[in-house]
N, C-alpha and C. Protein backbone atom coordinates (compact mmCIF):
# COMPACT_ATOMS: atom_id res chain seq x y z
N MET A 1 -50.46 -19.12 73.84
CA MET A 1 -51.65 -19.17 73.00
C MET A 1 -51.23 -18.99 71.54
N ILE A 2 -51.88 -19.73 70.69
CA ILE A 2 -51.53 -19.67 69.27
C ILE A 2 -52.44 -18.65 68.56
N SER A 3 -51.80 -17.87 67.76
CA SER A 3 -52.54 -16.81 67.01
C SER A 3 -53.35 -17.46 65.91
N ALA A 4 -54.49 -16.88 65.60
CA ALA A 4 -55.35 -17.37 64.51
C ALA A 4 -54.64 -17.30 63.17
N SER A 5 -53.72 -16.37 63.03
CA SER A 5 -53.05 -16.18 61.75
C SER A 5 -52.20 -17.39 61.36
N VAL A 6 -51.84 -18.24 62.32
CA VAL A 6 -51.06 -19.44 62.04
C VAL A 6 -51.88 -20.37 61.12
N TYR A 7 -53.20 -20.38 61.30
CA TYR A 7 -54.06 -21.25 60.57
C TYR A 7 -54.55 -20.65 59.24
N GLU A 8 -54.28 -19.40 59.02
CA GLU A 8 -54.74 -18.79 57.79
C GLU A 8 -53.84 -19.20 56.65
N ARG A 9 -54.41 -19.30 55.46
CA ARG A 9 -53.71 -19.64 54.30
C ARG A 9 -52.86 -18.42 53.89
N PRO A 10 -51.60 -18.64 53.43
CA PRO A 10 -50.77 -17.52 53.00
C PRO A 10 -51.45 -16.79 51.83
N PRO A 11 -51.30 -15.49 51.74
CA PRO A 11 -51.92 -14.76 50.66
C PRO A 11 -51.29 -15.14 49.30
N THR A 12 -52.11 -14.96 48.27
CA THR A 12 -51.61 -15.19 46.90
C THR A 12 -51.41 -13.87 46.26
N ARG A 13 -50.56 -13.85 45.24
CA ARG A 13 -50.27 -12.60 44.58
C ARG A 13 -51.41 -12.13 43.71
N TYR A 14 -52.07 -13.02 43.00
CA TYR A 14 -53.04 -12.62 41.99
C TYR A 14 -54.36 -12.20 42.59
N THR A 15 -54.76 -12.69 43.77
CA THR A 15 -56.00 -12.20 44.35
C THR A 15 -56.18 -12.85 45.70
N ASP A 16 -56.99 -12.24 46.50
CA ASP A 16 -57.46 -12.84 47.78
C ASP A 16 -58.86 -13.36 47.57
N ASP A 17 -59.46 -13.17 46.40
CA ASP A 17 -60.81 -13.59 46.12
C ASP A 17 -60.82 -15.10 45.85
N MET A 18 -61.52 -15.85 46.67
CA MET A 18 -61.57 -17.33 46.58
C MET A 18 -62.08 -17.80 45.26
N ASP A 19 -63.10 -17.10 44.69
CA ASP A 19 -63.68 -17.52 43.39
C ASP A 19 -62.64 -17.50 42.29
N LEU A 20 -61.84 -16.45 42.22
CA LEU A 20 -60.82 -16.34 41.22
C LEU A 20 -59.73 -17.39 41.40
N GLN A 21 -59.40 -17.74 42.64
CA GLN A 21 -58.39 -18.76 42.92
C GLN A 21 -58.88 -20.08 42.36
N TRP A 22 -60.15 -20.42 42.53
CA TRP A 22 -60.65 -21.66 42.02
C TRP A 22 -60.67 -21.69 40.50
N ILE A 23 -60.96 -20.55 39.89
CA ILE A 23 -60.95 -20.49 38.41
C ILE A 23 -59.53 -20.69 37.89
N VAL A 24 -58.56 -20.05 38.53
CA VAL A 24 -57.16 -20.24 38.10
C VAL A 24 -56.74 -21.69 38.31
N LYS A 25 -57.09 -22.27 39.41
CA LYS A 25 -56.73 -23.66 39.68
C LYS A 25 -57.43 -24.61 38.65
N LEU A 26 -58.65 -24.33 38.33
CA LEU A 26 -59.39 -25.11 37.35
C LEU A 26 -58.69 -25.05 35.98
N ILE A 27 -58.30 -23.85 35.63
CA ILE A 27 -57.62 -23.71 34.31
C ILE A 27 -56.26 -24.33 34.34
N ALA A 28 -55.47 -24.11 35.39
CA ALA A 28 -54.07 -24.57 35.46
C ALA A 28 -53.97 -26.08 35.63
N ASP A 29 -54.92 -26.67 36.34
CA ASP A 29 -54.87 -28.12 36.60
C ASP A 29 -56.05 -28.86 35.95
N GLY A 30 -57.26 -28.34 36.15
CA GLY A 30 -58.46 -29.06 35.71
C GLY A 30 -58.61 -29.27 34.22
N LEU A 31 -58.11 -28.34 33.43
CA LEU A 31 -58.23 -28.55 31.96
C LEU A 31 -57.42 -29.68 31.39
N VAL A 32 -56.52 -30.22 32.22
CA VAL A 32 -55.77 -31.39 31.79
C VAL A 32 -56.72 -32.58 31.55
N VAL A 33 -57.75 -32.69 32.38
CA VAL A 33 -58.68 -33.83 32.27
C VAL A 33 -59.40 -33.87 30.94
N PRO A 34 -60.06 -32.79 30.50
CA PRO A 34 -60.72 -32.83 29.19
C PRO A 34 -59.71 -33.04 28.03
N ILE A 35 -58.49 -32.58 28.18
CA ILE A 35 -57.49 -32.80 27.12
C ILE A 35 -57.22 -34.28 27.01
N VAL A 36 -57.03 -34.95 28.18
CA VAL A 36 -56.77 -36.40 28.19
C VAL A 36 -57.97 -37.16 27.62
N LEU A 37 -59.20 -36.74 27.97
CA LEU A 37 -60.38 -37.43 27.52
C LEU A 37 -60.57 -37.27 26.02
N ILE A 38 -60.30 -36.06 25.51
CA ILE A 38 -60.39 -35.84 24.03
C ILE A 38 -59.36 -36.66 23.35
N GLY A 39 -58.14 -36.68 23.88
CA GLY A 39 -57.08 -37.46 23.27
C GLY A 39 -57.41 -38.93 23.24
N ALA A 40 -57.92 -39.45 24.38
CA ALA A 40 -58.29 -40.89 24.44
C ALA A 40 -59.40 -41.22 23.40
N TYR A 41 -60.40 -40.34 23.38
CA TYR A 41 -61.53 -40.57 22.40
C TYR A 41 -60.98 -40.55 20.98
N ALA A 42 -60.14 -39.54 20.66
CA ALA A 42 -59.64 -39.43 19.28
C ALA A 42 -58.82 -40.67 18.89
N LEU A 43 -57.91 -41.06 19.80
CA LEU A 43 -57.08 -42.20 19.48
C LEU A 43 -57.79 -43.54 19.44
N LEU A 44 -58.79 -43.69 20.31
CA LEU A 44 -59.54 -44.96 20.37
C LEU A 44 -60.61 -45.07 19.30
N LYS A 45 -61.27 -44.01 19.02
CA LYS A 45 -62.43 -44.02 18.12
C LYS A 45 -62.13 -43.60 16.69
N LEU A 46 -61.17 -42.69 16.50
CA LEU A 46 -61.01 -42.08 15.17
C LEU A 46 -59.85 -42.72 14.37
N VAL A 47 -59.03 -43.51 15.01
CA VAL A 47 -57.94 -44.17 14.30
C VAL A 47 -58.48 -45.45 13.70
N PRO A 48 -58.33 -45.65 12.40
CA PRO A 48 -58.84 -46.93 11.80
C PRO A 48 -58.18 -48.14 12.42
N ASN A 49 -58.93 -49.23 12.57
CA ASN A 49 -58.44 -50.43 13.24
C ASN A 49 -57.15 -50.96 12.63
N ASP A 50 -57.03 -50.89 11.28
CA ASP A 50 -55.85 -51.45 10.63
C ASP A 50 -54.59 -50.60 10.85
N LYS A 51 -54.75 -49.39 11.39
CA LYS A 51 -53.63 -48.49 11.61
C LYS A 51 -53.34 -48.24 13.09
N LYS A 52 -54.15 -48.83 13.98
CA LYS A 52 -54.01 -48.56 15.42
C LYS A 52 -52.64 -48.94 15.97
N TYR A 53 -52.12 -50.09 15.66
CA TYR A 53 -50.82 -50.52 16.16
C TYR A 53 -49.73 -49.52 15.80
N GLN A 54 -49.70 -49.15 14.51
CA GLN A 54 -48.66 -48.21 14.03
C GLN A 54 -48.86 -46.83 14.72
N VAL A 55 -50.08 -46.34 14.78
CA VAL A 55 -50.31 -45.02 15.39
C VAL A 55 -49.97 -45.05 16.88
N TYR A 56 -50.45 -46.08 17.60
CA TYR A 56 -50.21 -46.18 19.06
C TYR A 56 -48.73 -46.28 19.32
N ALA A 57 -48.01 -47.06 18.54
CA ALA A 57 -46.57 -47.20 18.74
C ALA A 57 -45.87 -45.86 18.56
N ARG A 58 -46.29 -45.10 17.56
CA ARG A 58 -45.67 -43.78 17.30
C ARG A 58 -46.04 -42.77 18.39
N VAL A 59 -47.28 -42.80 18.85
CA VAL A 59 -47.68 -41.90 19.94
C VAL A 59 -46.88 -42.25 21.22
N LEU A 60 -46.73 -43.51 21.52
CA LEU A 60 -45.93 -43.92 22.69
C LEU A 60 -44.48 -43.45 22.57
N MET A 61 -43.91 -43.69 21.42
CA MET A 61 -42.49 -43.31 21.24
C MET A 61 -42.29 -41.80 21.24
N ALA A 62 -43.27 -41.05 20.66
CA ALA A 62 -43.21 -39.61 20.65
C ALA A 62 -43.28 -39.09 22.08
N GLY A 63 -44.23 -39.66 22.86
CA GLY A 63 -44.39 -39.21 24.29
C GLY A 63 -43.14 -39.52 25.11
N LEU A 64 -42.62 -40.76 24.95
CA LEU A 64 -41.42 -41.15 25.72
C LEU A 64 -40.19 -40.27 25.32
N THR A 65 -40.07 -40.04 23.99
CA THR A 65 -38.94 -39.24 23.54
C THR A 65 -39.00 -37.81 24.11
N ALA A 66 -40.17 -37.22 24.10
CA ALA A 66 -40.37 -35.90 24.69
C ALA A 66 -40.08 -35.88 26.19
N TYR A 67 -40.57 -36.91 26.86
CA TYR A 67 -40.39 -37.00 28.29
C TYR A 67 -38.91 -37.12 28.68
N VAL A 68 -38.21 -38.04 28.01
CA VAL A 68 -36.78 -38.25 28.27
C VAL A 68 -35.98 -36.98 27.93
N ALA A 69 -36.35 -36.35 26.78
CA ALA A 69 -35.67 -35.07 26.44
C ALA A 69 -35.92 -34.00 27.49
N ALA A 70 -37.11 -33.94 28.00
CA ALA A 70 -37.41 -32.95 29.07
C ALA A 70 -36.60 -33.21 30.32
N LYS A 71 -36.47 -34.46 30.73
CA LYS A 71 -35.73 -34.76 31.92
C LYS A 71 -34.23 -34.45 31.73
N ILE A 72 -33.69 -34.79 30.57
CA ILE A 72 -32.26 -34.52 30.30
C ILE A 72 -32.04 -33.02 30.27
N ILE A 73 -32.89 -32.29 29.55
CA ILE A 73 -32.74 -30.83 29.48
C ILE A 73 -32.92 -30.22 30.84
N GLY A 74 -33.88 -30.72 31.63
CA GLY A 74 -34.10 -30.20 33.00
C GLY A 74 -32.91 -30.40 33.93
N VAL A 75 -32.17 -31.45 33.71
CA VAL A 75 -30.96 -31.71 34.51
C VAL A 75 -29.85 -30.78 34.09
N ILE A 76 -29.71 -30.58 32.76
CA ILE A 76 -28.63 -29.72 32.23
C ILE A 76 -28.89 -28.24 32.43
N TYR A 77 -30.16 -27.82 32.28
CA TYR A 77 -30.48 -26.39 32.31
C TYR A 77 -31.66 -26.12 33.26
N GLN A 78 -31.44 -25.36 34.26
CA GLN A 78 -32.50 -24.92 35.19
C GLN A 78 -32.29 -23.40 35.33
N PRO A 79 -33.16 -22.62 34.69
CA PRO A 79 -32.96 -21.15 34.80
C PRO A 79 -33.11 -20.61 36.17
N ASP A 80 -34.02 -21.14 36.97
CA ASP A 80 -34.24 -20.68 38.33
C ASP A 80 -34.33 -21.87 39.26
N GLN A 81 -33.87 -21.73 40.49
CA GLN A 81 -33.94 -22.81 41.47
C GLN A 81 -35.23 -22.75 42.28
N MET A 82 -35.92 -21.56 42.18
CA MET A 82 -37.15 -21.42 42.95
C MET A 82 -38.27 -21.06 42.03
N ARG A 83 -39.45 -21.50 42.32
CA ARG A 83 -40.65 -21.18 41.53
C ARG A 83 -41.10 -19.76 41.90
N PRO A 84 -41.88 -19.16 41.00
CA PRO A 84 -42.31 -17.75 41.25
C PRO A 84 -43.00 -17.54 42.59
N PHE A 85 -43.92 -18.46 42.99
CA PHE A 85 -44.61 -18.27 44.24
C PHE A 85 -43.63 -18.31 45.44
N GLU A 86 -42.56 -19.12 45.30
CA GLU A 86 -41.56 -19.15 46.37
C GLU A 86 -40.75 -17.88 46.44
N VAL A 87 -40.43 -17.33 45.30
CA VAL A 87 -39.68 -16.08 45.25
C VAL A 87 -40.52 -14.94 45.88
N LEU A 88 -41.82 -14.97 45.59
CA LEU A 88 -42.68 -13.88 46.09
C LEU A 88 -43.19 -14.13 47.50
N GLY A 89 -42.96 -15.33 48.03
CA GLY A 89 -43.39 -15.68 49.39
C GLY A 89 -44.90 -15.76 49.52
N VAL A 90 -45.55 -16.28 48.51
CA VAL A 90 -47.02 -16.47 48.55
C VAL A 90 -47.35 -17.94 48.28
N ALA A 91 -48.61 -18.30 48.46
CA ALA A 91 -49.01 -19.67 48.23
C ALA A 91 -49.13 -19.97 46.73
N ALA A 92 -48.85 -21.19 46.38
CA ALA A 92 -48.99 -21.62 44.98
C ALA A 92 -50.48 -21.65 44.60
N GLY A 93 -50.79 -21.25 43.41
CA GLY A 93 -52.18 -21.22 42.99
C GLY A 93 -52.62 -22.50 42.28
N ALA A 94 -51.73 -23.49 42.17
CA ALA A 94 -52.04 -24.71 41.53
C ALA A 94 -51.11 -25.83 42.02
N SER A 95 -51.37 -27.05 41.64
CA SER A 95 -50.50 -28.14 42.09
C SER A 95 -49.19 -28.07 41.42
N PHE A 96 -48.16 -28.61 42.10
CA PHE A 96 -46.77 -28.58 41.54
C PHE A 96 -45.98 -29.69 42.21
N LEU A 97 -44.89 -30.10 41.51
CA LEU A 97 -43.96 -31.05 42.07
C LEU A 97 -42.84 -30.24 42.76
N ASN A 98 -42.20 -30.84 43.73
CA ASN A 98 -41.15 -30.17 44.43
C ASN A 98 -39.83 -30.20 43.63
N ASN A 99 -39.77 -29.45 42.57
CA ASN A 99 -38.56 -29.28 41.77
C ASN A 99 -38.54 -27.84 41.22
N PRO A 100 -37.47 -27.41 40.60
CA PRO A 100 -37.41 -26.05 40.14
C PRO A 100 -38.43 -25.68 39.06
N GLY A 101 -38.97 -26.60 38.29
CA GLY A 101 -40.08 -26.31 37.41
C GLY A 101 -39.80 -26.22 35.93
N PHE A 102 -38.57 -26.31 35.50
CA PHE A 102 -38.27 -26.27 34.10
C PHE A 102 -37.96 -27.65 33.55
N PRO A 103 -38.58 -28.07 32.48
CA PRO A 103 -39.77 -27.52 31.80
C PRO A 103 -41.07 -27.91 32.51
N SER A 104 -42.13 -27.27 32.16
CA SER A 104 -43.42 -27.55 32.74
C SER A 104 -43.92 -28.91 32.28
N ASP A 105 -44.16 -29.82 33.26
CA ASP A 105 -44.71 -31.11 32.91
C ASP A 105 -46.12 -31.04 32.39
N HIS A 106 -46.91 -30.09 32.92
CA HIS A 106 -48.28 -29.91 32.41
C HIS A 106 -48.26 -29.51 30.92
N ALA A 107 -47.40 -28.55 30.59
CA ALA A 107 -47.30 -28.09 29.22
C ALA A 107 -46.79 -29.23 28.33
N LEU A 108 -45.81 -29.95 28.78
CA LEU A 108 -45.27 -31.13 28.03
C LEU A 108 -46.34 -32.13 27.78
N PHE A 109 -47.03 -32.53 28.79
CA PHE A 109 -48.06 -33.63 28.72
C PHE A 109 -49.20 -33.23 27.81
N THR A 110 -49.74 -32.01 28.04
CA THR A 110 -50.91 -31.62 27.24
C THR A 110 -50.53 -31.37 25.77
N MET A 111 -49.36 -30.86 25.53
CA MET A 111 -48.91 -30.65 24.15
C MET A 111 -48.63 -31.98 23.46
N ALA A 112 -48.11 -32.94 24.17
CA ALA A 112 -47.87 -34.28 23.58
C ALA A 112 -49.22 -34.93 23.17
N ILE A 113 -50.23 -34.73 24.01
CA ILE A 113 -51.57 -35.28 23.67
C ILE A 113 -52.15 -34.51 22.44
N THR A 114 -51.97 -33.20 22.42
CA THR A 114 -52.44 -32.42 21.28
C THR A 114 -51.81 -32.89 19.98
N LEU A 115 -50.50 -33.09 20.02
CA LEU A 115 -49.78 -33.59 18.83
C LEU A 115 -50.22 -35.00 18.45
N ALA A 116 -50.55 -35.83 19.41
CA ALA A 116 -51.06 -37.17 19.09
C ALA A 116 -52.40 -37.08 18.39
N VAL A 117 -53.27 -36.17 18.83
CA VAL A 117 -54.54 -35.98 18.17
C VAL A 117 -54.31 -35.46 16.79
N TRP A 118 -53.44 -34.50 16.61
CA TRP A 118 -53.14 -33.91 15.28
C TRP A 118 -52.56 -34.95 14.31
N PHE A 119 -51.49 -35.60 14.67
CA PHE A 119 -50.79 -36.52 13.81
C PHE A 119 -51.37 -37.94 13.84
N GLY A 120 -51.77 -38.42 15.00
CA GLY A 120 -52.24 -39.81 15.11
C GLY A 120 -53.69 -39.96 14.68
N ALA A 121 -54.59 -39.17 15.27
CA ALA A 121 -55.99 -39.31 14.91
C ALA A 121 -56.38 -38.49 13.70
N LYS A 122 -55.54 -37.52 13.36
CA LYS A 122 -55.76 -36.68 12.21
C LYS A 122 -57.10 -35.91 12.22
N ASP A 123 -57.50 -35.57 13.40
CA ASP A 123 -58.72 -34.77 13.53
C ASP A 123 -58.30 -33.36 13.91
N ARG A 124 -58.27 -32.49 12.90
CA ARG A 124 -57.81 -31.12 13.06
C ARG A 124 -58.66 -30.32 14.03
N ARG A 125 -59.98 -30.51 13.95
CA ARG A 125 -60.87 -29.77 14.87
C ARG A 125 -60.61 -30.12 16.34
N LEU A 126 -60.51 -31.40 16.64
CA LEU A 126 -60.20 -31.77 18.06
C LEU A 126 -58.79 -31.31 18.45
N ALA A 127 -57.87 -31.37 17.51
CA ALA A 127 -56.48 -30.93 17.84
C ALA A 127 -56.49 -29.44 18.14
N VAL A 128 -57.21 -28.65 17.42
CA VAL A 128 -57.26 -27.20 17.67
C VAL A 128 -57.93 -26.92 19.01
N ILE A 129 -58.96 -27.69 19.37
CA ILE A 129 -59.57 -27.56 20.68
C ILE A 129 -58.56 -27.95 21.78
N CYS A 130 -57.83 -29.06 21.59
CA CYS A 130 -56.79 -29.43 22.55
C CYS A 130 -55.69 -28.34 22.63
N LEU A 131 -55.31 -27.78 21.52
CA LEU A 131 -54.29 -26.78 21.52
C LEU A 131 -54.73 -25.52 22.31
N ALA A 132 -56.00 -25.11 22.10
CA ALA A 132 -56.55 -23.96 22.84
C ALA A 132 -56.52 -24.24 24.35
N MET A 133 -56.98 -25.44 24.73
CA MET A 133 -56.95 -25.76 26.13
C MET A 133 -55.57 -25.90 26.66
N THR A 134 -54.62 -26.39 25.89
CA THR A 134 -53.22 -26.48 26.31
C THR A 134 -52.66 -25.10 26.55
N ILE A 135 -52.95 -24.14 25.69
CA ILE A 135 -52.48 -22.77 25.88
C ILE A 135 -53.10 -22.21 27.18
N LEU A 136 -54.40 -22.50 27.39
CA LEU A 136 -55.03 -22.03 28.63
C LEU A 136 -54.34 -22.63 29.88
N VAL A 137 -54.05 -23.94 29.80
CA VAL A 137 -53.34 -24.56 30.93
C VAL A 137 -51.99 -23.82 31.19
N CYS A 138 -51.28 -23.54 30.10
CA CYS A 138 -49.99 -22.87 30.25
C CYS A 138 -50.13 -21.50 30.86
N VAL A 139 -51.09 -20.74 30.40
CA VAL A 139 -51.36 -19.39 30.95
C VAL A 139 -51.76 -19.53 32.42
N GLY A 140 -52.63 -20.51 32.72
CA GLY A 140 -53.04 -20.75 34.10
C GLY A 140 -51.89 -21.08 35.00
N ARG A 141 -50.94 -21.87 34.49
CA ARG A 141 -49.76 -22.22 35.34
C ARG A 141 -48.92 -21.01 35.66
N VAL A 142 -48.84 -20.07 34.68
CA VAL A 142 -48.07 -18.83 34.94
C VAL A 142 -48.84 -17.94 35.92
N ILE A 143 -50.11 -17.79 35.72
CA ILE A 143 -50.94 -16.94 36.58
C ILE A 143 -50.95 -17.48 38.02
N ALA A 144 -50.94 -18.85 38.15
CA ALA A 144 -50.91 -19.49 39.44
C ALA A 144 -49.58 -19.43 40.11
N LEU A 145 -48.60 -18.85 39.41
CA LEU A 145 -47.23 -18.63 39.95
C LEU A 145 -46.47 -19.93 40.22
N VAL A 146 -46.85 -21.00 39.57
CA VAL A 146 -46.06 -22.23 39.71
C VAL A 146 -45.03 -22.38 38.59
N HIS A 147 -45.15 -21.58 37.55
CA HIS A 147 -44.18 -21.61 36.43
C HIS A 147 -43.94 -20.20 35.91
N THR A 148 -42.79 -20.03 35.32
CA THR A 148 -42.51 -18.80 34.57
C THR A 148 -42.92 -19.08 33.10
N PRO A 149 -43.06 -17.99 32.35
CA PRO A 149 -43.37 -18.21 30.89
C PRO A 149 -42.28 -19.10 30.22
N LEU A 150 -41.06 -18.98 30.58
CA LEU A 150 -40.01 -19.79 30.02
C LEU A 150 -40.22 -21.28 30.31
N ASP A 151 -40.72 -21.62 31.51
CA ASP A 151 -41.00 -23.00 31.89
C ASP A 151 -42.01 -23.63 30.97
N VAL A 152 -43.13 -22.92 30.72
CA VAL A 152 -44.20 -23.47 29.92
C VAL A 152 -43.82 -23.48 28.46
N ILE A 153 -43.13 -22.46 27.97
CA ILE A 153 -42.66 -22.48 26.57
C ILE A 153 -41.69 -23.61 26.38
N GLY A 154 -40.82 -23.85 27.33
CA GLY A 154 -39.89 -24.97 27.27
C GLY A 154 -40.62 -26.29 27.17
N GLY A 155 -41.68 -26.46 27.98
CA GLY A 155 -42.48 -27.68 27.93
C GLY A 155 -43.16 -27.88 26.56
N LEU A 156 -43.70 -26.80 26.00
CA LEU A 156 -44.36 -26.91 24.72
C LEU A 156 -43.34 -27.29 23.64
N LEU A 157 -42.23 -26.63 23.61
CA LEU A 157 -41.21 -26.92 22.57
C LEU A 157 -40.60 -28.30 22.71
N ILE A 158 -40.32 -28.70 23.94
CA ILE A 158 -39.75 -30.01 24.12
C ILE A 158 -40.74 -31.11 23.71
N ALA A 159 -42.02 -30.86 23.94
CA ALA A 159 -43.04 -31.88 23.51
C ALA A 159 -42.97 -32.05 21.99
N CYS A 160 -42.63 -30.98 21.29
CA CYS A 160 -42.50 -31.06 19.79
C CYS A 160 -41.36 -31.91 19.31
N VAL A 161 -40.43 -32.23 20.19
CA VAL A 161 -39.37 -33.15 19.85
C VAL A 161 -39.93 -34.48 19.41
N GLY A 162 -41.04 -34.91 19.97
CA GLY A 162 -41.69 -36.17 19.63
C GLY A 162 -42.21 -36.22 18.23
N ILE A 163 -42.30 -35.08 17.53
CA ILE A 163 -42.81 -35.02 16.14
C ILE A 163 -41.98 -35.91 15.27
N ILE A 164 -40.73 -36.15 15.57
CA ILE A 164 -39.84 -36.96 14.70
C ILE A 164 -40.44 -38.33 14.51
N TRP A 165 -41.22 -38.85 15.42
CA TRP A 165 -41.84 -40.18 15.30
C TRP A 165 -43.04 -40.13 14.35
N TYR A 166 -43.62 -38.97 14.13
CA TYR A 166 -44.81 -38.88 13.24
C TYR A 166 -44.39 -38.62 11.76
N VAL A 167 -43.19 -38.13 11.54
CA VAL A 167 -42.72 -37.84 10.17
C VAL A 167 -42.74 -39.09 9.29
N PRO A 168 -42.18 -40.24 9.72
CA PRO A 168 -42.27 -41.43 8.89
C PRO A 168 -43.69 -41.84 8.54
N MET A 169 -44.63 -41.59 9.46
CA MET A 169 -46.03 -41.92 9.21
C MET A 169 -46.59 -41.03 8.08
N LYS A 170 -46.19 -39.80 8.04
CA LYS A 170 -46.63 -38.91 6.95
C LYS A 170 -46.09 -39.35 5.62
N HIS A 171 -44.81 -39.77 5.61
CA HIS A 171 -44.20 -40.23 4.37
C HIS A 171 -44.83 -41.54 3.90
N ALA A 172 -45.16 -42.45 4.81
CA ALA A 172 -45.78 -43.74 4.43
C ALA A 172 -47.16 -43.47 3.82
N GLU A 173 -47.91 -42.51 4.34
CA GLU A 173 -49.20 -42.22 3.78
C GLU A 173 -49.09 -41.68 2.38
N LYS A 174 -48.11 -40.84 2.10
CA LYS A 174 -47.92 -40.29 0.73
C LYS A 174 -47.56 -41.38 -0.25
N SER A 175 -46.78 -42.38 0.18
CA SER A 175 -46.40 -43.46 -0.72
C SER A 175 -47.51 -44.42 -0.98
N ASP A 176 -48.55 -44.46 -0.04
CA ASP A 176 -49.70 -45.34 -0.21
C ASP A 176 -50.64 -44.79 -1.28
N ILE A 177 -50.56 -43.52 -1.59
CA ILE A 177 -51.47 -42.87 -2.54
C ILE A 177 -51.21 -43.33 -3.94
């Protein structure tokens, strides 16, 4: 006879309360959706038509540069081979890929979008909103035990590598004045 405990979900470290688990999952995973939507709106609606090609090309190159840098750094440096929930023997509180976790792809992706809104769409208000939600995603990923603070900080910093593609855009604007 099979015990009922086989079908039970493994306990999580942060709580056994189902409501709090959903809130953490919503913050760690769900906030990515509004960040993407705000980024899409800002880049599609707020970038002048005559500058769209230049801005979109730079956003694409910034994102690709950050992504490639993250993959190279992730191959060279992995601080831990196991994620926090694996070390603690509990269930993950959010979605994750089956890899050691450095750097955080969620942090990298959301920060790259935030930087695109800041530099590409030049809407500071929306960029600050995206930044606040990006920080919440990062905190949620740590609380959900799928990343360490180093993983999310690494993702945020590596996303900033893409800024090199926005610098020529800033210089071009100053020379247009």
